[in-house]
């Protein structure tokens, strides 16, 4: 028997930002989505098994899906 493992960044949570922000990738002026995510070791590239990083907060442009890390 063998296992296929990999890594993947999983995101969770989605709140809109209070103000509108201009995206530096596509130039859209819109409310970004605030998300949190973590890197996991995955089983068969699907099932998150072991977290390998701390939580990272970022905002995502709803227009082009560009992500920008926040504090």
PDB file of N, CA and C in Angstrom:
ATOM      1  N   UNK A   1       0.844  -1.173   0.000  1.00  0.00           N
ATOM      2  CA  UNK A   1       0.000   0.000   0.000  1.00  0.00           C
ATOM      3  C   UNK A   1       0.892   1.239   0.000  1.00  0.00           C
ATOM      4  N   UNK A   2       0.468   2.273  -0.701  1.00  0.00           N
ATOM      5  CA  UNK A   2       1.241   3.500  -0.745  1.00  0.00           C
ATOM      6  C   UNK A   2       0.304   4.703  -0.598  1.00  0.00           C
ATOM      7  N   UNK A   3       0.871   5.815  -0.171  1.00  0.00           N
ATOM      8  CA  UNK A   3       0.111   7.046   0.012  1.00  0.00           C
ATOM      9  C   UNK A   3       0.695   8.119  -0.897  1.00  0.00           C
ATOM     10  N   UNK A   4      -0.170   8.900  -1.467  1.00  0.00           N
ATOM     11  CA  UNK A   4       0.264  10.034  -2.265  1.00  0.00           C
ATOM     12  C   UNK A   4       0.009  11.283  -1.425  1.00  0.00           C
ATOM     13  N   UNK A   5       1.092  12.008  -1.100  1.00  0.00           N
ATOM     14  CA  UNK A   5       0.940  13.203  -0.280  1.00  0.00           C
ATOM     15  C   UNK A   5       1.420  14.424  -1.054  1.00  0.00           C
ATOM     16  N   UNK A   6       0.973  15.571  -0.628  1.00  0.00           N
ATOM     17  CA  UNK A   6       1.373  16.832  -1.231  1.00  0.00           C
ATOM     18  C   UNK A   6       1.095  17.956  -0.260  1.00  0.00           C
ATOM     19  N   UNK A   7       1.149  19.185  -0.738  1.00  0.00           N
ATOM     20  CA  UNK A   7       0.812  20.337   0.084  1.00  0.00           C
ATOM     21  C   UNK A   7      -0.194  21.196  -0.660  1.00  0.00           C
ATOM     22  N   UNK A   8      -1.010  21.904   0.118  1.00  0.00           N
ATOM     23  CA  UNK A   8      -2.009  22.782  -0.484  1.00  0.00           C
ATOM     24  C   UNK A   8      -2.353  23.886   0.501  1.00  0.00           C
ATOM     25  N   UNK A   9      -2.670  25.062  -0.030  1.00  0.00           N
ATOM     26  CA  UNK A   9      -3.087  26.205   0.772  1.00  0.00           C
ATOM     27  C   UNK A   9      -4.610  26.241   0.800  1.00  0.00           C
ATOM     28  N   UNK A  10      -5.190  26.063   1.985  1.00  0.00           N
ATOM     29  CA  UNK A  10      -6.639  26.083   2.147  1.00  0.00           C
ATOM     30  C   UNK A  10      -7.060  27.407   2.752  1.00  0.00           C
ATOM     31  N   UNK A  11      -8.148  27.997   2.238  1.00  0.00           N
ATOM     32  CA  UNK A  11      -8.659  29.265   2.756  1.00  0.00           C
ATOM     33  C   UNK A  11     -10.007  29.047   3.421  1.00  0.00           C
ATOM     34  N   UNK A  12     -10.323  29.932   4.364  1.00  0.00           N
ATOM     35  CA  UNK A  12     -11.612  29.885   5.024  1.00  0.00           C
ATOM     36  C   UNK A  12     -11.989  31.292   5.456  1.00  0.00           C
ATOM     37  N   UNK A  13     -13.279  31.527   5.633  1.00  0.00           N
ATOM     38  CA  UNK A  13     -13.783  32.842   6.001  1.00  0.00           C
ATOM     39  C   UNK A  13     -13.859  33.753   4.798  1.00  0.00           C
ATOM     40  N   UNK A  14     -14.835  34.609   4.787  1.00  0.00           N
ATOM     41  CA  UNK A  14     -14.929  35.588   3.704  1.00  0.00           C
ATOM     42  C   UNK A  14     -15.809  36.746   4.157  1.00  0.00           C
ATOM     43  N   UNK A  15     -15.153  37.847   4.481  1.00  0.00           N
ATOM     44  CA  UNK A  15     -15.852  39.069   4.852  1.00  0.00           C
ATOM     45  C   UNK A  15     -15.411  40.164   3.899  1.00  0.00           C
ATOM     46  N   UNK A  16     -16.309  41.053   3.570  1.00  0.00           N
ATOM     47  CA  UNK A  16     -15.979  42.185   2.705  1.00  0.00           C
ATOM     48  C   UNK A  16     -15.238  43.242   3.530  1.00  0.00           C
ATOM     49  N   UNK A  17     -14.301  43.951   2.885  1.00  0.00           N
ATOM     50  CA  UNK A  17     -13.597  45.038   3.555  1.00  0.00           C
ATOM     51  C   UNK A  17     -14.561  46.209   3.754  1.00  0.00           C
ATOM     52  N   UNK A  18     -14.262  47.040   4.741  1.00  0.00           N
ATOM     53  CA  UNK A  18     -15.136  48.172   5.049  1.00  0.00           C
ATOM     54  C   UNK A  18     -15.096  49.231   3.955  1.00  0.00           C
ATOM     55  N   UNK A  19     -13.936  49.444   3.349  1.00  0.00           N
ATOM     56  CA  UNK A  19     -13.797  50.468   2.320  1.00  0.00           C
ATOM     57  C   UNK A  19     -13.452  49.836   0.979  1.00  0.00           C
ATOM     58  N   UNK A  20     -13.591  50.613  -0.059  1.00  0.00           N
ATOM     59  CA  UNK A  20     -13.221  50.143  -1.390  1.00  0.00           C
ATOM     60  C   UNK A  20     -11.726  50.364  -1.597  1.00  0.00           C
ATOM     61  N   UNK A  21     -11.081  49.429  -2.265  1.00  0.00           N
ATOM     62  CA  UNK A  21      -9.642  49.464  -2.498  1.00  0.00           C
ATOM     63  C   UNK A  21      -9.403  49.289  -3.989  1.00  0.00           C
ATOM     64  N   UNK A  22      -8.389  49.981  -4.511  1.00  0.00           N
ATOM     65  CA  UNK A  22      -8.027  49.813  -5.925  1.00  0.00           C
ATOM     66  C   UNK A  22      -7.021  48.673  -6.034  1.00  0.00           C
ATOM     67  N   UNK A  23      -7.319  47.691  -6.873  1.00  0.00           N
ATOM     68  CA  UNK A  23      -6.446  46.536  -7.093  1.00  0.00           C
ATOM     69  C   UNK A  23      -5.260  46.960  -7.961  1.00  0.00           C
ATOM     70  N   UNK A  24      -4.049  46.584  -7.539  1.00  0.00           N
ATOM     71  CA  UNK A  24      -2.858  46.942  -8.312  1.00  0.00           C
ATOM     72  C   UNK A  24      -2.658  46.012  -9.511  1.00  0.00           C
ATOM     73  N   UNK A  25      -3.384  44.897  -9.571  1.00  0.00           N
ATOM     74  CA  UNK A  25      -3.266  43.972 -10.706  1.00  0.00           C
ATOM     75  C   UNK A  25      -4.198  44.353 -11.854  1.00  0.00           C
ATOM     76  N   UNK A  26      -5.498  44.543 -11.546  1.00  0.00           N
ATOM     77  CA  UNK A  26      -6.475  44.799 -12.616  1.00  0.00           C
ATOM     78  C   UNK A  26      -6.980  46.239 -12.632  1.00  0.00           C
ATOM     79  N   UNK A  27      -6.726  47.001 -11.574  1.00  0.00           N
ATOM     80  CA  UNK A  27      -7.131  48.401 -11.522  1.00  0.00           C
ATOM     81  C   UNK A  27      -8.569  48.641 -11.089  1.00  0.00           C
ATOM     82  N   UNK A  28      -9.290  47.603 -10.694  1.00  0.00           N
ATOM     83  CA  UNK A  28     -10.692  47.747 -10.282  1.00  0.00           C
ATOM     84  C   UNK A  28     -10.769  48.389  -8.899  1.00  0.00           C
ATOM     85  N   UNK A  29     -11.751  49.263  -8.708  1.00  0.00           N
ATOM     86  CA  UNK A  29     -12.020  49.875  -7.414  1.00  0.00           C
ATOM     87  C   UNK A  29     -13.223  49.147  -6.823  1.00  0.00           C
ATOM     88  N   UNK A  30     -12.985  48.303  -5.821  1.00  0.00           N
ATOM     89  CA  UNK A  30     -14.043  47.434  -5.301  1.00  0.00           C
ATOM     90  C   UNK A  30     -13.773  47.059  -3.853  1.00  0.00           C
ATOM     91  N   UNK A  31     -14.775  46.464  -3.203  1.00  0.00           N
ATOM     92  CA  UNK A  31     -14.592  45.940  -1.854  1.00  0.00           C
ATOM     93  C   UNK A  31     -13.921  44.579  -1.976  1.00  0.00           C
ATOM     94  N   UNK A  32     -12.776  44.436  -1.340  1.00  0.00           N
ATOM     95  CA  UNK A  32     -12.048  43.172  -1.376  1.00  0.00           C
ATOM     96  C   UNK A  32     -12.655  42.202  -0.373  1.00  0.00           C
ATOM     97  N   UNK A  33     -12.290  40.936  -0.480  1.00  0.00           N
ATOM     98  CA  UNK A  33     -12.746  39.906   0.438  1.00  0.00           C
ATOM     99  C   UNK A  33     -11.605  39.564   1.379  1.00  0.00           C
ATOM    100  N   UNK A  34     -11.852  39.647   2.695  1.00  0.00           N
ATOM    101  CA  UNK A  34     -10.843  39.281   3.690  1.00  0.00           C
ATOM    102  C   UNK A  34     -10.933  37.780   3.946  1.00  0.00           C
ATOM    103  N   UNK A  35      -9.803  37.094   3.860  1.00  0.00           N
ATOM    104  CA  UNK A  35      -9.780  35.648   4.078  1.00  0.00           C
ATOM    105  C   UNK A  35      -8.615  35.269   4.972  1.00  0.00           C
ATOM    106  N   UNK A  36      -8.672  34.062   5.502  1.00  0.00           N
ATOM    107  CA  UNK A  36      -7.599  33.485   6.297  1.00  0.00           C
ATOM    108  C   UNK A  36      -7.265  32.132   5.692  1.00  0.00           C
ATOM    109  N   UNK A  37      -5.990  31.750   5.734  1.00  0.00           N
ATOM    110  CA  UNK A  37      -5.609  30.473   5.148  1.00  0.00           C
ATOM    111  C   UNK A  37      -4.410  29.849   5.838  1.00  0.00           C
ATOM    112  N   UNK A  38      -4.187  28.570   5.551  1.00  0.00           N
ATOM    113  CA  UNK A  38      -3.067  27.806   6.119  1.00  0.00           C
ATOM    114  C   UNK A  38      -2.572  26.804   5.091  1.00  0.00           C
ATOM    115  N   UNK A  39      -1.280  26.491   5.158  1.00  0.00           N
ATOM    116  CA  UNK A  39      -0.716  25.408   4.350  1.00  0.00           C
ATOM    117  C   UNK A  39      -0.885  24.096   5.097  1.00  0.00           C
ATOM    118  N   UNK A  40      -1.269  23.051   4.373  1.00  0.00           N
ATOM    119  CA  UNK A  40      -1.457  21.725   4.956  1.00  0.00           C
ATOM    120  C   UNK A  40      -0.713  20.686   4.132  1.00  0.00           C
ATOM    121  N   UNK A  41      -0.250  19.639   4.799  1.00  0.00           N
ATOM    122  CA  UNK A  41       0.163  18.429   4.091  1.00  0.00           C
ATOM    123  C   UNK A  41      -1.135  17.692   3.796  1.00  0.00           C
ATOM    124  N   UNK A  42      -1.311  17.277   2.550  1.00  0.00           N
ATOM    125  CA  UNK A  42      -2.561  16.641   2.155  1.00  0.00           C
ATOM    126  C   UNK A  42      -2.340  15.172   1.806  1.00  0.00           C
ATOM    127  N   UNK A  43      -3.383  14.409   1.960  1.00  0.00           N
ATOM    128  CA  UNK A  43      -3.387  13.006   1.589  1.00  0.00           C
ATOM    129  C   UNK A  43      -4.121  12.901   0.264  1.00  0.00           C
ATOM    130  N   UNK A  44      -3.468  12.357  -0.743  1.00  0.00           N
ATOM    131  CA  UNK A  44      -4.014  12.249  -2.096  1.00  0.00           C
ATOM    132  C   UNK A  44      -4.351  13.626  -2.684  1.00  0.00           C
ATOM    133  N   UNK A  45      -3.631  14.673  -2.263  1.00  0.00           N
ATOM    134  CA  UNK A  45      -3.789  16.047  -2.720  1.00  0.00           C
ATOM    135  C   UNK A  45      -5.183  16.617  -2.469  1.00  0.00           C
ATOM    136  N   UNK A  46      -5.966  16.003  -1.601  1.00  0.00           N
ATOM    137  CA  UNK A  46      -7.327  16.469  -1.353  1.00  0.00           C
ATOM    138  C   UNK A  46      -7.596  16.684   0.128  1.00  0.00           C
ATOM    139  N   UNK A  47      -7.304  15.694   0.962  1.00  0.00           N
ATOM    140  CA  UNK A  47      -7.673  15.710   2.366  1.00  0.00           C
ATOM    141  C   UNK A  47      -6.594  16.419   3.194  1.00  0.00           C
ATOM    142  N   UNK A  48      -6.907  17.603   3.783  1.00  0.00           N
ATOM    143  CA  UNK A  48      -5.918  18.274   4.626  1.00  0.00           C
ATOM    144  C   UNK A  48      -5.665  17.446   5.884  1.00  0.00           C
ATOM    145  N   UNK A  49      -4.395  17.152   6.150  1.00  0.00           N
ATOM    146  CA  UNK A  49      -4.067  16.259   7.251  1.00  0.00           C
ATOM    147  C   UNK A  49      -3.309  16.957   8.374  1.00  0.00           C
ATOM    148  N   UNK A  50      -2.171  17.565   8.044  1.00  0.00           N
ATOM    149  CA  UNK A  50      -1.310  18.174   9.051  1.00  0.00           C
ATOM    150  C   UNK A  50      -1.021  19.626   8.654  1.00  0.00           C
ATOM    151  N   UNK A  51      -1.332  20.602   9.536  1.00  0.00           N
ATOM    152  CA  UNK A  51      -0.990  21.989   9.208  1.00  0.00           C
ATOM    153  C   UNK A  51       0.523  22.190   9.274  1.00  0.00           C
ATOM    154  N   UNK A  52       1.070  22.886   8.274  1.00  0.00           N
ATOM    155  CA  UNK A  52       2.518  23.108   8.262  1.00  0.00           C
ATOM    156  C   UNK A  52       2.874  24.589   8.321  1.00  0.00           C
ATOM    157  N   UNK A  53       1.879  25.451   8.487  1.00  0.00           N
ATOM    158  CA  UNK A  53       2.152  26.876   8.652  1.00  0.00           C
ATOM    159  C   UNK A  53       1.104  27.471   9.577  1.00  0.00           C
ATOM    160  N   UNK A  54       1.391  28.646  10.075  1.00  0.00           N
ATOM    161  CA  UNK A  54       0.412  29.359  10.887  1.00  0.00           C
ATOM    162  C   UNK A  54      -0.631  30.003  10.000  1.00  0.00           C
ATOM    163  N   UNK A  55      -1.623  30.597  10.629  1.00  0.00           N
ATOM    164  CA  UNK A  55      -2.673  31.271   9.876  1.00  0.00           C
ATOM    165  C   UNK A  55      -2.108  32.511   9.201  1.00  0.00           C
ATOM    166  N   UNK A  56      -2.514  32.733   7.964  1.00  0.00           N
ATOM    167  CA  UNK A  56      -2.109  33.908   7.204  1.00  0.00           C
ATOM    168  C   UNK A  56      -3.365  34.652   6.779  1.00  0.00           C
ATOM    169  N   UNK A  57      -3.377  35.964   7.026  1.00  0.00           N
ATOM    170  CA  UNK A  57      -4.518  36.781   6.636  1.00  0.00           C
ATOM    171  C   UNK A  57      -4.177  37.526   5.360  1.00  0.00           C
ATOM    172  N   UNK A  58      -5.147  37.601   4.465  1.00  0.00           N
ATOM    173  CA  UNK A  58      -4.940  38.301   3.209  1.00  0.00           C
ATOM    174  C   UNK A  58      -6.264  38.826   2.692  1.00  0.00           C
ATOM    175  N   UNK A  59      -6.184  39.696   1.693  1.00  0.00           N
ATOM    176  CA  UNK A  59      -7.385  40.183   1.014  1.00  0.00           C
ATOM    177  C   UNK A  59      -7.310  39.732  -0.435  1.00  0.00           C
ATOM    178  N   UNK A  60      -8.467  39.502  -1.021  1.00  0.00           N
ATOM    179  CA  UNK A  60      -8.535  38.986  -2.388  1.00  0.00           C
ATOM    180  C   UNK A  60      -9.452  39.868  -3.232  1.00  0.00           C
ATOM    181  N   UNK A  61      -8.984  40.195  -4.421  1.00  0.00           N
ATOM    182  CA  UNK A  61      -9.778  40.989  -5.362  1.00  0.00           C
ATOM    183  C   UNK A  61     -10.873  40.096  -5.957  1.00  0.00           C
ATOM    184  N   UNK A  62     -12.138  40.516  -5.881  1.00  0.00           N
ATOM    185  CA  UNK A  62     -13.210  39.694  -6.451  1.00  0.00           C
ATOM    186  C   UNK A  62     -13.215  39.704  -7.981  1.00  0.00           C
ATOM    187  N   UNK A  63     -12.521  40.671  -8.578  1.00  0.00           N
ATOM    188  CA  UNK A  63     -12.504  40.792 -10.025  1.00  0.00           C
ATOM    189  C   UNK A  63     -11.474  39.866 -10.678  1.00  0.00           C
ATOM    190  N   UNK A  64     -10.223  39.882 -10.183  1.00  0.00           N
ATOM    191  CA  UNK A  64      -9.156  39.103 -10.824  1.00  0.00           C
ATOM    192  C   UNK A  64      -8.563  38.025  -9.910  1.00  0.00           C
ATOM    193  N   UNK A  65      -9.039  37.907  -8.675  1.00  0.00           N
ATOM    194  CA  UNK A  65      -8.595  36.919  -7.678  1.00  0.00           C
ATOM    195  C   UNK A  65      -7.147  37.097  -7.239  1.00  0.00           C
ATOM    196  N   UNK A  66      -6.591  38.295  -7.409  1.00  0.00           N
ATOM    197  CA  UNK A  66      -5.245  38.576  -6.902  1.00  0.00           C
ATOM    198  C   UNK A  66      -5.300  38.635  -5.381  1.00  0.00           C
ATOM    199  N   UNK A  67      -4.285  38.077  -4.728  1.00  0.00           N
ATOM    200  CA  UNK A  67      -4.248  38.046  -3.258  1.00  0.00           C
ATOM    201  C   UNK A  67      -3.105  38.912  -2.747  1.00  0.00           C
ATOM    202  N   UNK A  68      -3.397  39.636  -1.668  1.00  0.00           N
ATOM    203  CA  UNK A  68      -2.415  40.506  -1.040  1.00  0.00           C
ATOM    204  C   UNK A  68      -2.414  40.221   0.449  1.00  0.00           C
ATOM    205  N   UNK A  69      -1.245  39.886   1.011  1.00  0.00           N
ATOM    206  CA  UNK A  69      -1.148  39.539   2.419  1.00  0.00           C
ATOM    207  C   UNK A  69      -1.284  40.778   3.276  1.00  0.00           C
ATOM    208  N   UNK A  70      -2.016  40.641   4.391  1.00  0.00           N
ATOM    209  CA  UNK A  70      -2.179  41.737   5.343  1.00  0.00           C
ATOM    210  C   UNK A  70      -1.433  41.391   6.613  1.00  0.00           C
ATOM    211  N   UNK A  71      -1.489  42.264   7.591  1.00  0.00           N
ATOM    212  CA  UNK A  71      -0.741  42.072   8.835  1.00  0.00           C
ATOM    213  C   UNK A  71      -1.233  40.903   9.638  1.00  0.00           C
TER     214      UNK A  71
END
